[in-house]
Amino acid sequence: MKLTFCVPSLDQVLEATLWTQEDGITSYWRDGLYQEYPEIDKVKALALPAQKRMRYVSDTLTKIYGEKQSAFKILIQDWQKEWNSKLDEIESALSVAYEMDTKPVLNNMVAYVNLNPVCPRYLDTHSFYIFYKMEIDRVIRTCLHEIMHFLWFYKWQEHFHDDPKEYDTPHLKWIFSEMVQETMMADTPIKDLSKWQGNVYDYFYEMKIDGKPILKTLSDIHKTKGLIGLFEDGYQYCIAHENEIRESIRTAENF
């Protein structure tokens, strides 16, 4: 298992950031950019049609990107050093959690330092982005979170042989994979890797089905039936309650 930290190109930064400002994106995903960069006038930006909004936001991000180039190069060296120092412990914990030897797999992962406080990932390229203002503990947690997704779907595909196109939003398999991040962390040695402060979207902790927290239900399945049992029974549980789950998400994200 190998993770390389890199400085992305300006085009990559804009692609991994501007999607949060597209029409139809809710404030849940959109407003973090304005909070981090007050020099981008939110009222002005949102009053513009999409094409002009993108140009306005990208002009400011381009300037910031140019100013941060030297700092980014130093930052990724520090992140790489810290990650490499923990790699043996990380691989050991992930191997237990995912019931496999993780050392020979995922040797092409890339983590890009980014301007976006929202950190997108790309399953097909085993890559993801990390906000440059994160403290090192949160950097490690973010890397673990994304790698856990990669391993989840590696094992999932091995078991189900289904369509990888269904592993991303808005599919239920993606929603399920986000929920079980908490299960896979809390119930395995992964929890000991860093100062963990929650591993899923806030609204999942509050989501209940028939009065019982959904994360508790998934944890109970995992503890009694293991990883494959979680794959099978946990996903069937989500299928049975898909409408309730999606409605809770819509409410939380202000759709």
C-alpha atoms as a PDB file:
ATOM      1  CA  MET A   1       0.000   0.000   0.000  1.00  0.00           C
ATOM      2  CA  LYS A   2       1.528   3.288  -1.109  1.00  0.00           C
ATOM      3  CA  LEU A   3       0.242   6.845  -0.740  1.00  0.00           C
ATOM      4  CA  THR A   4       2.065   9.747  -2.387  1.00  0.00           C
ATOM      5  CA  PHE A   5       1.343  13.365  -1.493  1.00  0.00           C
ATOM      6  CA  CYS A   6       1.495  15.793  -4.422  1.00  0.00           C
ATOM      7  CA  VAL A   7       0.915  19.394  -5.411  1.00  0.00           C
ATOM      8  CA  PRO A   8      -1.789  19.459  -8.105  1.00  0.00           C
ATOM      9  CA  SER A   9      -1.823  21.701 -11.137  1.00  0.00           C
ATOM     10  CA  LEU A  10      -3.995  24.810 -11.146  1.00  0.00           C
ATOM     11  CA  ASP A  11      -6.447  23.062 -13.480  1.00  0.00           C
ATOM     12  CA  GLN A  12      -6.736  20.181 -11.011  1.00  0.00           C
ATOM     13  CA  VAL A  13      -7.332  22.573  -8.116  1.00  0.00           C
ATOM     14  CA  LEU A  14     -10.090  24.379  -9.988  1.00  0.00           C
ATOM     15  CA  GLU A  15     -11.737  21.126 -11.071  1.00  0.00           C
ATOM     16  CA  ALA A  16     -11.680  19.777  -7.511  1.00  0.00           C
ATOM     17  CA  THR A  17     -13.083  23.022  -6.088  1.00  0.00           C
ATOM     18  CA  LEU A  18     -15.436  24.790  -8.505  1.00  0.00           C
ATOM     19  CA  TRP A  19     -17.997  21.969  -8.495  1.00  0.00           C
ATOM     20  CA  THR A  20     -19.123  23.261  -5.092  1.00  0.00           C
ATOM     21  CA  GLN A  21     -20.269  26.481  -6.787  1.00  0.00           C
ATOM     22  CA  GLU A  22     -22.368  24.940  -9.547  1.00  0.00           C
ATOM     23  CA  ASP A  23     -26.072  25.662  -9.755  1.00  0.00           C
ATOM     24  CA  GLY A  24     -28.075  23.249  -7.622  1.00  0.00           C
ATOM     25  CA  ILE A  25     -25.333  22.650  -5.036  1.00  0.00           C
ATOM     26  CA  THR A  26     -26.692  23.314  -1.538  1.00  0.00           C
ATOM     27  CA  SER A  27     -25.130  25.533   1.095  1.00  0.00           C
ATOM     28  CA  TYR A  28     -24.027  22.382   2.960  1.00  0.00           C
ATOM     29  CA  TRP A  29     -21.301  21.901   0.322  1.00  0.00           C
ATOM     30  CA  ARG A  30     -21.044  25.420  -1.103  1.00  0.00           C
ATOM     31  CA  ASP A  31     -20.514  27.803   1.798  1.00  0.00           C
ATOM     32  CA  GLY A  32     -17.273  26.430   3.217  1.00  0.00           C
ATOM     33  CA  LEU A  33     -15.366  28.160   0.419  1.00  0.00           C
ATOM     34  CA  TYR A  34     -16.759  31.574   1.387  1.00  0.00           C
ATOM     35  CA  GLN A  35     -16.038  30.955   5.055  1.00  0.00           C
ATOM     36  CA  GLU A  36     -12.397  30.149   4.323  1.00  0.00           C
ATOM     37  CA  TYR A  37     -11.887  32.921   1.760  1.00  0.00           C
ATOM     38  CA  PRO A  38     -13.727  36.113   2.792  1.00  0.00           C
ATOM     39  CA  GLU A  39     -12.082  37.849  -0.168  1.00  0.00           C
ATOM     40  CA  ILE A  40     -14.603  35.947  -2.314  1.00  0.00           C
ATOM     41  CA  ASP A  41     -17.824  37.928  -1.910  1.00  0.00           C
ATOM     42  CA  LYS A  42     -20.580  35.343  -1.417  1.00  0.00           C
ATOM     43  CA  VAL A  43     -23.436  37.736  -2.164  1.00  0.00           C
ATOM     44  CA  LYS A  44     -21.747  38.894  -5.349  1.00  0.00           C
ATOM     45  CA  ALA A  45     -20.851  35.355  -6.425  1.00  0.00           C
ATOM     46  CA  LEU A  46     -24.329  33.906  -5.925  1.00  0.00           C
ATOM     47  CA  ALA A  47     -25.926  36.812  -7.773  1.00  0.00           C
ATOM     48  CA  LEU A  48     -23.936  35.957 -10.895  1.00  0.00           C
ATOM     49  CA  PRO A  49     -25.016  33.429 -13.537  1.00  0.00           C
ATOM     50  CA  ALA A  50     -23.072  30.173 -13.270  1.00  0.00           C
ATOM     51  CA  GLN A  51     -20.446  30.876 -15.937  1.00  0.00           C
ATOM     52  CA  LYS A  52     -19.573  34.319 -14.558  1.00  0.00           C
ATOM     53  CA  ARG A  53     -19.633  32.985 -10.987  1.00  0.00           C
ATOM     54  CA  MET A  54     -17.097  30.322 -11.897  1.00  0.00           C
ATOM     55  CA  ARG A  55     -14.857  32.911 -13.521  1.00  0.00           C
ATOM     56  CA  TYR A  56     -15.087  35.222 -10.498  1.00  0.00           C
ATOM     57  CA  VAL A  57     -14.304  32.463  -7.990  1.00  0.00           C
ATOM     58  CA  SER A  58     -11.568  30.912 -10.144  1.00  0.00           C
ATOM     59  CA  ASP A  59      -9.782  34.272 -10.542  1.00  0.00           C
ATOM     60  CA  THR A  60      -9.419  34.547  -6.757  1.00  0.00           C
ATOM     61  CA  LEU A  61      -8.421  30.901  -6.336  1.00  0.00           C
ATOM     62  CA  THR A  62      -5.821  31.270  -9.098  1.00  0.00           C
ATOM     63  CA  LYS A  63      -4.195  34.144  -7.212  1.00  0.00           C
ATOM     64  CA  ILE A  64      -4.193  32.207  -3.932  1.00  0.00           C
ATOM     65  CA  TYR A  65      -2.803  29.106  -5.649  1.00  0.00           C
ATOM     66  CA  GLY A  66       0.119  31.126  -7.015  1.00  0.00           C
ATOM     67  CA  GLU A  67       0.876  32.520  -3.565  1.00  0.00           C
ATOM     68  CA  LYS A  68       0.810  29.077  -1.917  1.00  0.00           C
ATOM     69  CA  GLN A  69       3.009  27.101  -4.332  1.00  0.00           C
ATOM     70  CA  SER A  70       6.181  27.189  -2.223  1.00  0.00           C
ATOM     71  CA  ALA A  71       4.269  26.470   0.982  1.00  0.00           C
ATOM     72  CA  PHE A  72       2.480  23.519  -0.640  1.00  0.00           C
ATOM     73  CA  LYS A  73       5.784  21.910  -1.611  1.00  0.00           C
ATOM     74  CA  ILE A  74       6.999  22.050   1.981  1.00  0.00           C
ATOM     75  CA  LEU A  75       3.635  20.936   3.331  1.00  0.00           C
ATOM     76  CA  ILE A  76       3.460  17.721   1.300  1.00  0.00           C
ATOM     77  CA  GLN A  77       6.952  16.776   2.445  1.00  0.00           C
ATOM     78  CA  ASP A  78       5.859  17.104   6.076  1.00  0.00           C
ATOM     79  CA  TRP A  79       2.667  15.137   5.428  1.00  0.00           C
ATOM     80  CA  GLN A  80       4.555  12.394   3.607  1.00  0.00           C
ATOM     81  CA  LYS A  81       7.072  12.029   6.416  1.00  0.00           C
ATOM     82  CA  GLU A  82       4.326  11.738   9.050  1.00  0.00           C
ATOM     83  CA  TRP A  83       2.304   9.244   6.984  1.00  0.00           C
ATOM     84  CA  ASN A  84       5.330   7.060   6.258  1.00  0.00           C
ATOM     85  CA  SER A  85       6.224   6.970   9.960  1.00  0.00           C
ATOM     86  CA  LYS A  86       2.798   5.470  10.720  1.00  0.00           C
ATOM     87  CA  LEU A  87       2.498   3.207   7.679  1.00  0.00           C
ATOM     88  CA  ASP A  88       3.279  -0.131   9.353  1.00  0.00           C
ATOM     89  CA  GLU A  89       0.726   0.540  12.080  1.00  0.00           C
ATOM     90  CA  ILE A  90      -1.830   1.718   9.510  1.00  0.00           C
ATOM     91  CA  GLU A  91      -1.424  -1.333   7.293  1.00  0.00           C
ATOM     92  CA  SER A  92      -1.724  -3.647  10.288  1.00  0.00           C
ATOM     93  CA  ALA A  93      -4.956  -2.030  11.502  1.00  0.00           C
ATOM     94  CA  LEU A  94      -6.511  -1.917   8.028  1.00  0.00           C
ATOM     95  CA  SER A  95      -5.595  -5.556   7.403  1.00  0.00           C
ATOM     96  CA  VAL A  96      -7.526  -6.595  10.516  1.00  0.00           C
ATOM     97  CA  ALA A  97     -10.495  -4.366   9.691  1.00  0.00           C
ATOM     98  CA  TYR A  98     -10.858  -5.487   6.082  1.00  0.00           C
ATOM     99  CA  GLU A  99      -9.896  -9.110   6.665  1.00  0.00           C
ATOM    100  CA  MET A 100      -7.089  -9.071   4.086  1.00  0.00           C
ATOM    101  CA  ASP A 101      -3.409  -8.282   3.690  1.00  0.00           C
ATOM    102  CA  THR A 102      -3.458  -4.641   2.649  1.00  0.00           C
ATOM    103  CA  LYS A 103       0.279  -4.338   1.957  1.00  0.00           C
ATOM    104  CA  PRO A 104       0.244  -5.572  -1.678  1.00  0.00           C
ATOM    105  CA  VAL A 105      -2.783  -3.515  -2.793  1.00  0.00           C
ATOM    106  CA  LEU A 106      -3.477   0.152  -3.535  1.00  0.00           C
ATOM    107  CA  ASN A 107       0.080   1.031  -4.444  1.00  0.00           C
ATOM    108  CA  ASN A 108      -0.953   3.928  -6.683  1.00  0.00           C
ATOM    109  CA  MET A 109      -2.820   6.233  -4.270  1.00  0.00           C
ATOM    110  CA  VAL A 110      -2.307   9.991  -4.541  1.00  0.00           C
ATOM    111  CA  ALA A 111      -3.278  12.706  -2.046  1.00  0.00           C
ATOM    112  CA  TYR A 112      -3.302  16.230  -3.464  1.00  0.00           C
ATOM    113  CA  VAL A 113      -3.030  19.309  -1.281  1.00  0.00           C
ATOM    114  CA  ASN A 114      -5.907  21.623  -2.129  1.00  0.00           C
ATOM    115  CA  LEU A 115      -7.570  24.993  -1.537  1.00  0.00           C
ATOM    116  CA  ASN A 116     -11.025  23.458  -1.132  1.00  0.00           C
ATOM    117  CA  PRO A 117     -12.238  22.798   2.456  1.00  0.00           C
ATOM    118  CA  VAL A 118     -14.416  20.051   0.953  1.00  0.00           C
ATOM    119  CA  CYS A 119     -12.200  17.067   0.113  1.00  0.00           C
ATOM    120  CA  PRO A 120     -13.369  15.134  -2.979  1.00  0.00           C
ATOM    121  CA  ARG A 121     -12.119  11.657  -3.825  1.00  0.00           C
ATOM    122  CA  TYR A 122     -11.972   9.701  -7.063  1.00  0.00           C
ATOM    123  CA  LEU A 123     -12.347   5.939  -6.743  1.00  0.00           C
ATOM    124  CA  ASP A 124     -11.256   5.211 -10.299  1.00  0.00           C
ATOM    125  CA  THR A 125      -7.831   6.833  -9.832  1.00  0.00           C
ATOM    126  CA  HIS A 126      -7.418   6.121  -6.100  1.00  0.00           C
ATOM    127  CA  SER A 127      -6.858   9.824  -5.524  1.00  0.00           C
ATOM    128  CA  PHE A 128      -8.262  12.456  -3.195  1.00  0.00           C
ATOM    129  CA  TYR A 129      -7.726  16.042  -2.070  1.00  0.00           C
ATOM    130  CA  ILE A 130      -6.822  17.436   1.359  1.00  0.00           C
ATOM    131  CA  PHE A 131      -7.415  21.007   2.517  1.00  0.00           C
ATOM    132  CA  TYR A 132      -4.070  22.698   3.107  1.00  0.00           C
ATOM    133  CA  LYS A 133      -5.124  24.285   6.423  1.00  0.00           C
ATOM    134  CA  MET A 134      -5.707  20.937   8.137  1.00  0.00           C
ATOM    135  CA  GLU A 135      -3.613  20.053  11.185  1.00  0.00           C
ATOM    136  CA  ILE A 136      -1.540  16.895  10.779  1.00  0.00           C
ATOM    137  CA  ASP A 137      -3.845  14.726  12.931  1.00  0.00           C
ATOM    138  CA  ARG A 138      -6.763  15.616  10.694  1.00  0.00           C
ATOM    139  CA  VAL A 139      -4.662  15.000   7.583  1.00  0.00           C
ATOM    140  CA  ILE A 140      -3.986  11.456   8.798  1.00  0.00           C
ATOM    141  CA  ARG A 141      -7.670  10.948   9.626  1.00  0.00           C
ATOM    142  CA  THR A 142      -8.708  12.210   6.196  1.00  0.00           C
ATOM    143  CA  CYS A 143      -6.250   9.904   4.454  1.00  0.00           C
ATOM    144  CA  LEU A 144      -7.529   6.963   6.493  1.00  0.00           C
ATOM    145  CA  HIS A 145     -11.120   7.875   5.678  1.00  0.00           C
ATOM    146  CA  GLU A 146     -10.463   7.868   1.933  1.00  0.00           C
ATOM    147  CA  ILE A 147      -8.306   4.741   1.961  1.00  0.00           C
ATOM    148  CA  MET A 148     -11.031   2.976   3.930  1.00  0.00           C
ATOM    149  CA  HIS A 149     -13.381   3.767   1.045  1.00  0.00           C
ATOM    150  CA  PHE A 150     -10.906   2.339  -1.450  1.00  0.00           C
ATOM    151  CA  LEU A 151     -10.518  -0.849   0.598  1.00  0.00           C
ATOM    152  CA  TRP A 152     -14.268  -1.137   1.196  1.00  0.00           C
ATOM    153  CA  PHE A 153     -15.017  -1.164  -2.509  1.00  0.00           C
ATOM    154  CA  TYR A 154     -11.988  -3.349  -3.281  1.00  0.00           C
ATOM    155  CA  LYS A 155     -13.465  -6.038  -1.038  1.00  0.00           C
ATOM    156  CA  TRP A 156     -17.020  -5.243  -2.115  1.00  0.00           C
ATOM    157  CA  GLN A 157     -16.168  -5.771  -5.800  1.00  0.00           C
ATOM    158  CA  GLU A 158     -14.319  -8.964  -4.927  1.00  0.00           C
ATOM    159  CA  HIS A 159     -17.474 -10.258  -3.211  1.00  0.00           C
ATOM    160  CA  PHE A 160     -20.308  -8.978  -5.402  1.00  0.00           C
ATOM    161  CA  HIS A 161     -18.686  -8.399  -8.840  1.00  0.00           C
ATOM    162  CA  ASP A 162     -21.157  -5.584  -9.489  1.00  0.00           C
ATOM    163  CA  ASP A 163     -20.990  -2.301 -11.429  1.00  0.00           C
ATOM    164  CA  PRO A 164     -18.404   0.185 -10.022  1.00  0.00           C
ATOM    165  CA  LYS A 165     -20.482   3.025 -11.482  1.00  0.00           C
ATOM    166  CA  GLU A 166     -22.815   2.459  -8.532  1.00  0.00           C
ATOM    167  CA  TYR A 167     -20.078   3.207  -5.991  1.00  0.00           C
ATOM    168  CA  ASP A 168     -20.457   6.979  -6.211  1.00  0.00           C
ATOM    169  CA  THR A 169     -23.186   9.473  -5.426  1.00  0.00           C
ATOM    170  CA  PRO A 170     -26.177   9.378  -5.718  1.00  0.00           C
ATOM    171  CA  HIS A 171     -26.322   5.572  -5.528  1.00  0.00           C
ATOM    172  CA  LEU A 172     -27.350   3.798  -2.318  1.00  0.00           C
ATOM    173  CA  LYS A 173     -24.084   1.828  -2.314  1.00  0.00           C
ATOM    174  CA  TRP A 174     -22.245   5.129  -1.932  1.00  0.00           C
ATOM    175  CA  ILE A 175     -24.519   6.239   0.929  1.00  0.00           C
ATOM    176  CA  PHE A 176     -24.010   2.880   2.638  1.00  0.00           C
ATOM    177  CA  SER A 177     -20.240   3.143   2.231  1.00  0.00           C
ATOM    178  CA  GLU A 178     -20.314   6.542   3.952  1.00  0.00           C
ATOM    179  CA  MET A 179     -22.356   5.218   6.874  1.00  0.00           C
ATOM    180  CA  VAL A 180     -20.118   2.235   7.562  1.00  0.00           C
ATOM    181  CA  GLN A 181     -17.015   4.388   7.883  1.00  0.00           C
ATOM    182  CA  GLU A 182     -18.008   4.853  11.523  1.00  0.00           C
ATOM    183  CA  THR A 183     -18.588   1.105  11.951  1.00  0.00           C
ATOM    184  CA  MET A 184     -15.237   0.173  10.427  1.00  0.00           C
ATOM    185  CA  MET A 185     -13.430   2.709  12.574  1.00  0.00           C
ATOM    186  CA  ALA A 186     -15.162   2.218  15.916  1.00  0.00           C
ATOM    187  CA  ASP A 187     -15.240  -1.596  15.866  1.00  0.00           C
ATOM    188  CA  THR A 188     -11.657  -2.239  14.683  1.00  0.00           C
ATOM    189  CA  PRO A 189      -8.037  -1.290  15.525  1.00  0.00           C
ATOM    190  CA  ILE A 190      -8.361   1.704  13.180  1.00  0.00           C
ATOM    191  CA  LYS A 191      -9.777   3.690  16.100  1.00  0.00           C
ATOM    192  CA  ASP A 192      -6.375   3.617  17.799  1.00  0.00           C
ATOM    193  CA  LEU A 193      -4.478   5.197  14.906  1.00  0.00           C
ATOM    194  CA  SER A 194      -5.179   8.816  15.763  1.00  0.00           C
ATOM    195  CA  LYS A 195      -7.280  11.202  17.818  1.00  0.00           C
ATOM    196  CA  TRP A 196     -10.572  10.305  16.178  1.00  0.00           C
ATOM    197  CA  GLN A 197     -13.372  12.868  16.257  1.00  0.00           C
ATOM    198  CA  GLY A 198     -16.065  11.340  14.096  1.00  0.00           C
ATOM    199  CA  ASN A 199     -15.719   9.755  10.717  1.00  0.00           C
ATOM    200  CA  VAL A 200     -19.054  10.280   8.956  1.00  0.00           C
ATOM    201  CA  TYR A 201     -21.353  13.160   8.091  1.00  0.00           C
ATOM    202  CA  ASP A 202     -22.932  14.624  11.227  1.00  0.00           C
ATOM    203  CA  TYR A 203     -26.457  13.718  10.218  1.00  0.00           C
ATOM    204  CA  PHE A 204     -25.681   9.993  10.164  1.00  0.00           C
ATOM    205  CA  TYR A 205     -25.100  10.103  13.931  1.00  0.00           C
ATOM    206  CA  GLU A 206     -28.609  11.452  14.413  1.00  0.00           C
ATOM    207  CA  MET A 207     -30.370   9.232  11.856  1.00  0.00           C
ATOM    208  CA  LYS A 208     -32.786   6.667  13.340  1.00  0.00           C
ATOM    209  CA  ILE A 209     -34.982   3.920  11.904  1.00  0.00           C
ATOM    210  CA  ASP A 210     -37.862   2.790  14.141  1.00  0.00           C
ATOM    211  CA  GLY A 211     -36.318   4.727  17.005  1.00  0.00           C
ATOM    212  CA  LYS A 212     -32.919   3.008  16.821  1.00  0.00           C
ATOM    213  CA  PRO A 213     -29.793   4.814  15.565  1.00  0.00           C
ATOM    214  CA  ILE A 214     -28.904   3.413  12.163  1.00  0.00           C
ATOM    215  CA  LEU A 215     -25.189   3.405  13.007  1.00  0.00           C
ATOM    216  CA  LYS A 216     -25.922   1.231  16.053  1.00  0.00           C
ATOM    217  CA  THR A 217     -27.791  -1.235  13.848  1.00  0.00           C
ATOM    218  CA  LEU A 218     -24.892  -1.455  11.402  1.00  0.00           C
ATOM    219  CA  SER A 219     -22.402  -1.874  14.251  1.00  0.00           C
ATOM    220  CA  ASP A 220     -24.468  -4.714  15.713  1.00  0.00           C
ATOM    221  CA  ILE A 221     -24.494  -6.489  12.351  1.00  0.00           C
ATOM    222  CA  HIS A 222     -20.740  -6.087  11.985  1.00  0.00           C
ATOM    223  CA  LYS A 223     -19.989  -7.345  15.495  1.00  0.00           C
ATOM    224  CA  THR A 224     -22.094 -10.472  15.031  1.00  0.00           C
ATOM    225  CA  LYS A 225     -21.553 -11.291  11.344  1.00  0.00           C
ATOM    226  CA  GLY A 226     -18.239  -9.726  10.359  1.00  0.00           C
ATOM    227  CA  LEU A 227     -17.345  -7.784   7.228  1.00  0.00           C
ATOM    228  CA  ILE A 228     -19.183  -9.963   4.697  1.00  0.00           C
ATOM    229  CA  GLY A 229     -22.235 -10.029   6.945  1.00  0.00           C
ATOM    230  CA  LEU A 230     -22.100  -6.229   7.012  1.00  0.00           C
ATOM    231  CA  PHE A 231     -21.878  -6.186   3.217  1.00  0.00           C
ATOM    232  CA  GLU A 232     -24.909  -8.398   2.811  1.00  0.00           C
ATOM    233  CA  ASP A 233     -27.219  -7.732   5.768  1.00  0.00           C
ATOM    234  CA  GLY A 234     -26.231  -4.104   6.215  1.00  0.00           C
ATOM    235  CA  TYR A 235     -26.923  -3.262   2.606  1.00  0.00           C
ATOM    236  CA  GLN A 236     -30.238  -5.126   2.630  1.00  0.00           C
ATOM    237  CA  TYR A 237     -31.176  -3.079   5.702  1.00  0.00           C
ATOM    238  CA  CYS A 238     -30.403   0.110   3.754  1.00  0.00           C
ATOM    239  CA  ILE A 239     -32.438  -1.097   0.768  1.00  0.00           C
ATOM    240  CA  ALA A 240     -35.405  -1.767   3.045  1.00  0.00           C
ATOM    241  CA  HIS A 241     -35.209   1.760   4.481  1.00  0.00           C
ATOM    242  CA  GLU A 242     -33.878   3.662   1.465  1.00  0.00           C
ATOM    243  CA  ASN A 243     -36.717   6.188   1.325  1.00  0.00           C
ATOM    244  CA  GLU A 244     -36.306   7.108   4.989  1.00  0.00           C
ATOM    245  CA  ILE A 245     -32.538   7.371   4.655  1.00  0.00           C
ATOM    246  CA  ARG A 246     -32.697   9.599   1.589  1.00  0.00           C
ATOM    247  CA  GLU A 247     -35.349  11.835   3.124  1.00  0.00           C
ATOM    248  CA  SER A 248     -33.189  12.328   6.220  1.00  0.00           C
ATOM    249  CA  ILE A 249     -30.226  13.288   4.027  1.00  0.00           C
ATOM    250  CA  ARG A 250     -32.316  15.715   1.966  1.00  0.00           C
ATOM    251  CA  THR A 251     -33.539  17.390   5.126  1.00  0.00           C
ATOM    252  CA  ALA A 252     -30.044  17.630   6.629  1.00  0.00           C
ATOM    253  CA  GLU A 253     -28.476  19.021   3.458  1.00  0.00           C
ATOM    254  CA  ASN A 254     -31.386  21.395   2.808  1.00  0.00           C
ATOM    255  CA  PHE A 255     -32.267  19.937  -0.567  1.00  0.00           C
END
